[in-house]
Protein backbone atom coordinates (compact mmCIF):
# COMPACT_ATOMS: atom_id res chain seq x y z
CA UNK A 1 -21.29 -1.39 -2.44
CA UNK A 2 -24.05 -3.82 -3.42
CA UNK A 3 -27.68 -3.09 -2.74
CA UNK A 4 -30.36 -5.33 -4.25
CA UNK A 5 -27.75 -6.81 -6.62
CA UNK A 6 -26.96 -3.38 -8.06
CA UNK A 7 -23.57 -1.73 -7.88
CA UNK A 8 -23.51 1.85 -6.59
CA UNK A 9 -20.72 4.35 -6.19
CA UNK A 10 -18.70 4.40 -2.97
CA UNK A 11 -19.81 7.51 -1.07
CA UNK A 12 -19.18 8.25 2.59
CA UNK A 13 -21.33 11.39 2.64
CA UNK A 14 -24.65 9.54 2.22
CA UNK A 15 -23.88 7.00 4.95
CA UNK A 16 -22.00 3.72 4.95
CA UNK A 17 -23.63 0.49 3.92
CA UNK A 18 -22.35 -2.84 5.17
CA UNK A 19 -20.12 -3.48 2.14
CA UNK A 20 -18.70 0.05 2.26
CA UNK A 21 -17.97 -0.16 5.98
CA UNK A 22 -16.46 -3.61 5.52
CA UNK A 23 -14.10 -2.28 2.81
CA UNK A 24 -12.92 0.41 5.23
CA UNK A 25 -12.44 -2.21 7.95
CA UNK A 26 -10.35 -4.42 5.68
CA UNK A 27 -8.02 -1.50 5.00
CA UNK A 28 -7.76 0.18 8.41
CA UNK A 29 -8.28 -2.68 10.87
CA UNK A 30 -5.15 -3.02 13.00
CA UNK A 31 -5.02 -6.84 12.99
CA UNK A 32 -5.42 -7.04 9.21
CA UNK A 33 -2.80 -4.34 8.64
CA UNK A 34 -0.36 -6.05 11.02
CA UNK A 35 -0.82 -9.35 9.15
CA UNK A 36 -0.15 -7.65 5.81
CA UNK A 37 2.94 -5.92 7.22
CA UNK A 38 4.21 -9.28 8.52
CA UNK A 39 3.77 -10.73 5.02
CA UNK A 40 5.70 -7.81 3.53
CA UNK A 41 8.45 -8.31 6.12
CA UNK A 42 8.70 -12.01 5.21
CA UNK A 43 8.87 -11.07 1.53
CA UNK A 44 11.82 -8.74 2.16
CA UNK A 45 13.66 -11.40 4.15
CA UNK A 46 13.10 -13.96 1.38
CA UNK A 47 14.51 -11.55 -1.20
CA UNK A 48 17.77 -11.30 0.79
CA UNK A 49 18.09 -14.98 1.74
CA UNK A 50 19.97 -17.83 0.08
CA UNK A 51 23.08 -15.81 -0.71
CA UNK A 52 26.70 -16.77 -0.15
CA UNK A 53 28.61 -15.17 2.65
CA UNK A 54 30.52 -12.17 1.35
CA UNK A 55 34.27 -12.85 0.83
CA UNK A 56 36.38 -11.62 3.72
CA UNK A 57 39.48 -9.64 2.75
CA UNK A 58 42.19 -8.82 5.29
CA UNK A 59 45.23 -6.60 4.88
CA UNK A 60 47.97 -6.17 7.49
CA UNK A 61 51.34 -4.48 7.72
CA UNK A 62 54.10 -3.94 10.25
CA UNK A 63 57.74 -3.35 10.90
CA UNK A 64 60.09 -6.09 12.07
CA UNK A 65 63.29 -5.51 14.08
CA UNK A 66 66.13 -8.04 13.71
CA UNK A 67 69.44 -7.91 15.70
CA UNK A 68 72.49 -8.81 13.60
CA UNK A 69 74.91 -9.59 16.49
CA UNK A 70 73.74 -11.14 19.71
CA UNK A 71 77.15 -12.21 21.12
CA UNK A 72 77.02 -11.86 24.87
CA UNK A 73 80.44 -10.17 25.19
CA UNK A 74 79.56 -7.65 22.47
CA UNK A 75 76.33 -6.90 24.15
CA UNK A 76 78.07 -6.44 27.51
CA UNK A 77 80.79 -4.21 26.04
CA UNK A 78 78.51 -2.02 23.96
CA UNK A 79 75.66 -1.95 26.45
CA UNK A 80 73.29 -3.49 23.90
CA UNK A 81 73.07 -5.34 20.58
CA UNK A 82 75.85 -4.44 18.21
CA UNK A 83 73.48 -3.99 15.20
CA UNK A 84 69.71 -3.73 14.53
CA UNK A 85 67.97 -4.02 11.18
CA UNK A 86 64.35 -3.17 10.54
CA UNK A 87 62.19 -4.42 7.68
CA UNK A 88 58.59 -3.90 6.59
CA UNK A 89 56.16 -6.80 6.48
CA UNK A 90 53.07 -6.74 4.25
CA UNK A 91 50.36 -9.42 4.19
CA UNK A 92 46.97 -9.88 2.56
CA UNK A 93 44.39 -12.65 2.89
CA UNK A 94 41.12 -13.73 1.31
CA UNK A 95 38.49 -16.11 2.68
CA UNK A 96 35.80 -17.60 0.44
CA UNK A 97 33.19 -20.19 1.40
CA UNK A 98 32.00 -22.63 -1.26
CA UNK A 99 28.52 -23.87 -0.18
CA UNK A 100 28.51 -27.53 -1.21
CA UNK A 101 25.99 -28.67 1.41
CA UNK A 102 22.98 -27.18 -0.36
CA UNK A 103 22.00 -25.30 2.78
CA UNK A 104 21.62 -21.93 1.04
CA UNK A 105 19.12 -23.15 -1.61
CA UNK A 106 17.20 -24.92 1.17
CA UNK A 107 17.10 -21.68 3.17
CA UNK A 108 15.88 -19.82 0.08
CA UNK A 109 13.01 -22.27 -0.42
CA UNK A 110 12.21 -22.08 3.29
CA UNK A 111 11.95 -18.29 3.21
CA UNK A 112 9.82 -18.41 0.05
CA UNK A 113 7.47 -20.84 1.78
CA UNK A 114 7.43 -18.49 4.78
CA UNK A 115 6.20 -15.75 2.45
CA UNK A 116 3.35 -17.98 1.27
CA UNK A 117 2.43 -18.80 4.86
CA UNK A 118 2.49 -15.11 5.82
CA UNK A 119 0.22 -14.28 2.88
CA UNK A 120 -2.15 -17.05 3.97
CA UNK A 121 -2.07 -15.66 7.52
CA UNK A 122 -3.03 -12.23 6.16
CA UNK A 123 -5.86 -13.80 4.16
CA UNK A 124 -6.97 -15.70 7.23
CA UNK A 125 -7.01 -12.49 9.27
CA UNK A 126 -9.04 -10.70 6.60
CA UNK A 127 -11.57 -13.51 6.33
CA UNK A 128 -11.89 -13.68 10.11
CA UNK A 129 -12.43 -9.93 10.14
CA UNK A 130 -15.15 -10.22 7.50
CA UNK A 131 -16.97 -12.91 9.48
CA UNK A 132 -16.69 -10.95 12.73
CA UNK A 133 -17.74 -7.75 10.99
CA UNK A 134 -20.82 -9.34 9.40
CA UNK A 135 -21.89 -10.78 12.75
CA UNK A 136 -21.38 -7.44 14.49
CA UNK A 137 -23.26 -5.61 11.71
CA UNK A 138 -26.22 -8.02 11.94
CA UNK A 139 -26.43 -7.56 15.71
CA UNK A 140 -26.22 -3.77 15.45
CA UNK A 141 -28.72 -3.63 12.57
CA UNK A 142 -31.21 -5.78 14.47
CA UNK A 143 -30.87 -3.62 17.59
CA UNK A 144 -31.20 -0.40 15.58
CA UNK A 145 -34.25 -1.57 13.66
CA UNK A 146 -35.93 -2.85 16.84
CA UNK A 147 -35.22 0.48 18.52
CA UNK A 148 -36.74 2.39 15.61
CA UNK A 149 -39.83 0.20 15.56
CA UNK A 150 -40.19 0.52 19.31
CA UNK A 151 -39.88 4.32 19.04
CA UNK A 152 -42.71 4.35 16.50
CA UNK A 153 -44.81 2.16 18.78
CA UNK A 154 -44.18 4.51 21.73
CA UNK A 155 -45.23 7.48 19.63
CA UNK A 156 -48.36 5.59 18.60
CA UNK A 157 -49.51 4.74 22.14
CA UNK A 158 -48.64 8.12 23.64
CA UNK A 159 -51.99 9.71 22.53
CA UNK A 160 -53.94 6.76 23.99
CA UNK A 161 -52.12 7.17 27.29
CA UNK A 162 -53.07 10.86 27.44
CA UNK A 163 -56.63 10.14 26.28
CA UNK A 164 -57.16 7.39 28.84
CA UNK A 165 -55.88 9.67 31.61
CA UNK A 166 -58.37 12.37 30.56
CA UNK A 167 -61.24 9.85 30.44
CA UNK A 168 -60.30 8.57 33.88
CA UNK A 169 -60.37 12.10 35.28
CA UNK A 170 -63.80 12.63 33.68
CA UNK A 171 -65.07 9.41 35.25
CA UNK A 172 -65.77 7.76 31.91
CA UNK A 173 -63.00 5.15 32.29
CA UNK A 174 -61.88 3.11 35.24
CA UNK A 175 -58.56 4.32 36.70
CA UNK A 176 -57.18 0.78 36.58
CA UNK A 177 -57.85 0.57 32.84
CA UNK A 178 -56.29 3.99 32.27
CA UNK A 179 -53.15 2.95 34.11
CA UNK A 180 -52.65 0.06 31.68
CA UNK A 181 -51.75 2.51 28.90
CA UNK A 182 -49.42 4.39 31.23
CA UNK A 183 -47.72 1.17 32.36
CA UNK A 184 -47.30 0.01 28.76
CA UNK A 185 -45.85 3.38 27.78
CA UNK A 186 -43.34 3.37 30.64
CA UNK A 187 -42.38 -0.26 29.97
CA UNK A 188 -41.76 0.37 26.29
CA UNK A 189 -39.83 3.56 27.09
CA UNK A 190 -37.50 1.63 29.42
CA UNK A 191 -37.03 -1.07 26.78
CA UNK A 192 -36.26 1.61 24.20
CA UNK A 193 -33.57 3.11 26.43
CA UNK A 194 -32.04 -0.33 26.91
CA UNK A 195 -32.03 -0.95 23.15
CA UNK A 196 -30.50 2.47 22.57
CA UNK A 197 -27.62 1.66 24.91
CA UNK A 198 -27.07 -1.79 23.36
CA UNK A 199 -27.16 -0.33 19.85
CA UNK A 200 -24.62 2.34 20.83
CA UNK A 201 -22.29 -0.33 22.24
CA UNK A 202 -22.69 -2.45 19.12
CA UNK A 203 -21.96 0.56 16.91
CA UNK A 204 -18.81 1.30 18.92
CA UNK A 205 -17.70 -2.28 18.28
CA UNK A 206 -18.18 -1.81 14.53
CA UNK A 207 -16.25 1.46 14.59
CA UNK A 208 -13.41 -0.33 16.41
CA UNK A 209 -13.39 -3.10 13.79
CA UNK A 210 -13.17 -0.42 11.11
CA UNK A 211 -10.01 0.91 12.75
CA UNK A 212 -11.53 4.35 13.34
CA UNK A 213 -11.67 6.46 16.48
CA UNK A 214 -14.89 6.35 18.55
CA UNK A 215 -15.56 9.99 17.66
CA UNK A 216 -15.35 9.41 13.90
CA UNK A 217 -18.22 11.33 12.20
CA UNK A 218 -19.54 8.42 10.15
CA UNK A 219 -23.16 7.38 9.63
CA UNK A 220 -23.92 3.69 9.43
CA UNK A 221 -26.96 2.43 7.54
CA UNK A 222 -28.45 -0.68 9.14
CA UNK A 223 -29.60 -3.50 6.88
CA UNK A 224 -30.29 -7.22 7.10
CA UNK A 225 -30.27 -7.98 3.38
CA UNK A 226 -27.86 -9.46 0.80
CA UNK A 227 -25.72 -11.53 3.11
CA UNK A 228 -23.62 -14.25 1.47
CA UNK A 229 -24.90 -17.80 1.39
CA UNK A 230 -22.92 -20.20 3.60
CA UNK A 231 -20.43 -22.31 1.67
CA UNK A 232 -20.83 -26.02 1.23
CA UNK A 233 -18.66 -28.44 3.17
CA UNK A 234 -16.65 -29.45 0.09
CA UNK A 235 -15.89 -25.85 -0.79
CA UNK A 236 -14.92 -25.02 2.79
CA UNK A 237 -12.52 -27.98 2.84
CA UNK A 238 -10.90 -26.88 -0.41
CA UNK A 239 -10.69 -23.12 0.01
CA UNK A 240 -11.08 -22.17 3.66
CA UNK A 241 -8.18 -19.86 4.64
CA UNK A 242 -7.71 -21.49 8.05
CA UNK A 243 -7.15 -24.91 6.48
CA UNK A 244 -4.92 -23.41 3.78
CA UNK A 245 -2.84 -21.68 6.47
CA UNK A 246 -2.52 -24.92 8.44
CA UNK A 247 -1.31 -26.75 5.31
CA UNK A 248 1.16 -23.95 4.62
CA UNK A 249 2.47 -24.12 8.18
CA UNK A 250 3.04 -27.87 7.73
CA UNK A 251 4.98 -27.25 4.50
CA UNK A 252 7.03 -24.58 6.28
CA UNK A 253 7.96 -27.06 9.01
CA UNK A 254 9.05 -29.55 6.34
CA UNK A 255 11.21 -26.88 4.70
CA UNK A 256 12.77 -26.05 8.06
CA UNK A 257 13.58 -29.74 8.58
CA UNK A 258 15.35 -29.86 5.21
CA UNK A 259 17.41 -26.81 6.17
CA UNK A 260 18.50 -28.52 9.39
CA UNK A 261 19.40 -31.69 7.50
CA UNK A 262 21.46 -29.75 4.97
CA UNK A 263 23.25 -27.94 7.79
CA UNK A 264 24.77 -31.27 8.84
CA UNK A 265 26.85 -31.40 5.66
CA UNK A 266 30.08 -29.34 5.47
CA UNK A 267 30.94 -26.40 3.28
CA UNK A 268 34.47 -25.76 2.03
CA UNK A 269 36.32 -22.58 2.97
CA UNK A 270 39.30 -21.45 0.85
CA UNK A 271 41.72 -19.02 2.50
CA UNK A 272 44.58 -17.91 0.22
CA UNK A 273 47.08 -15.45 1.75
CA UNK A 274 50.19 -13.56 0.60
CA UNK A 275 53.09 -12.29 2.70
CA UNK A 276 56.01 -10.10 1.64
CA UNK A 277 59.11 -9.25 3.69
CA UNK A 278 62.10 -7.65 1.93
CA UNK A 279 63.27 -10.29 -0.56
CA UNK A 280 61.07 -13.03 0.85
CA UNK A 281 57.52 -13.72 -0.32
CA UNK A 282 55.13 -16.48 0.68
CA UNK A 283 51.83 -17.63 -0.79
CA UNK A 284 49.74 -19.92 1.42
CA UNK A 285 46.48 -21.67 0.53
CA UNK A 286 44.29 -22.69 3.45
CA UNK A 287 41.48 -25.22 3.21
CA UNK A 288 38.77 -25.57 5.84
CA UNK A 289 35.57 -27.61 6.22
């Protein structure tokens, strides 16, 4: 945490400053975590992409029945075929695809670009969270500080309200003048209650951005100091995560187009097979595109 340009230790027990609460939000916020998980998912897909299809191996076997005499008279006299021979048939096949189209390398580059885009999306989500968090913290800090100042003011005018009421009862002060202190006290008390409710709602919003439950026993320390200076237009154009993510999305679309173009070209599939039946063997080579 930074306070007056000095680095202090991260401690939750003594209350959370803006930088400490923002660090917790960057880690536990649901949107930021989902964006990081999406980037990790894209990274795992990229690691498994661009590979050839596994070779397909097939093995088959069976038994073949062949009749040796199919003369009609012999069949009629014997009540069936005069002789039957049975033989075993064994066959094996292999199918391998040779990727000549360049589709697999294009898919690999596409998935790698998708990882970069997912990382940029996570960065964009974190930067958006930081901006939203700073705005919410400023609003809550302003409401809290105004409430505290108003509470001090109410405590300061309370004795004058009581004193003016006593003077009015003693006849030393006009009742209309005494009621002015009472009206001011009641008006400021109502304003203080309104500020208290608004500050509580703003604090609940900060707790939600931090990814914590509403009942989390954390103490927030309001401050309006040491906020970053807005970036210049040239720096925003060069480094802003939203623009970087948009450029990455454009590159991803270009990579996807290259994959579709490569998919129009054929790959070659080799399918050698072997068959064996008694004294007969056959080797066949299939070619597909």
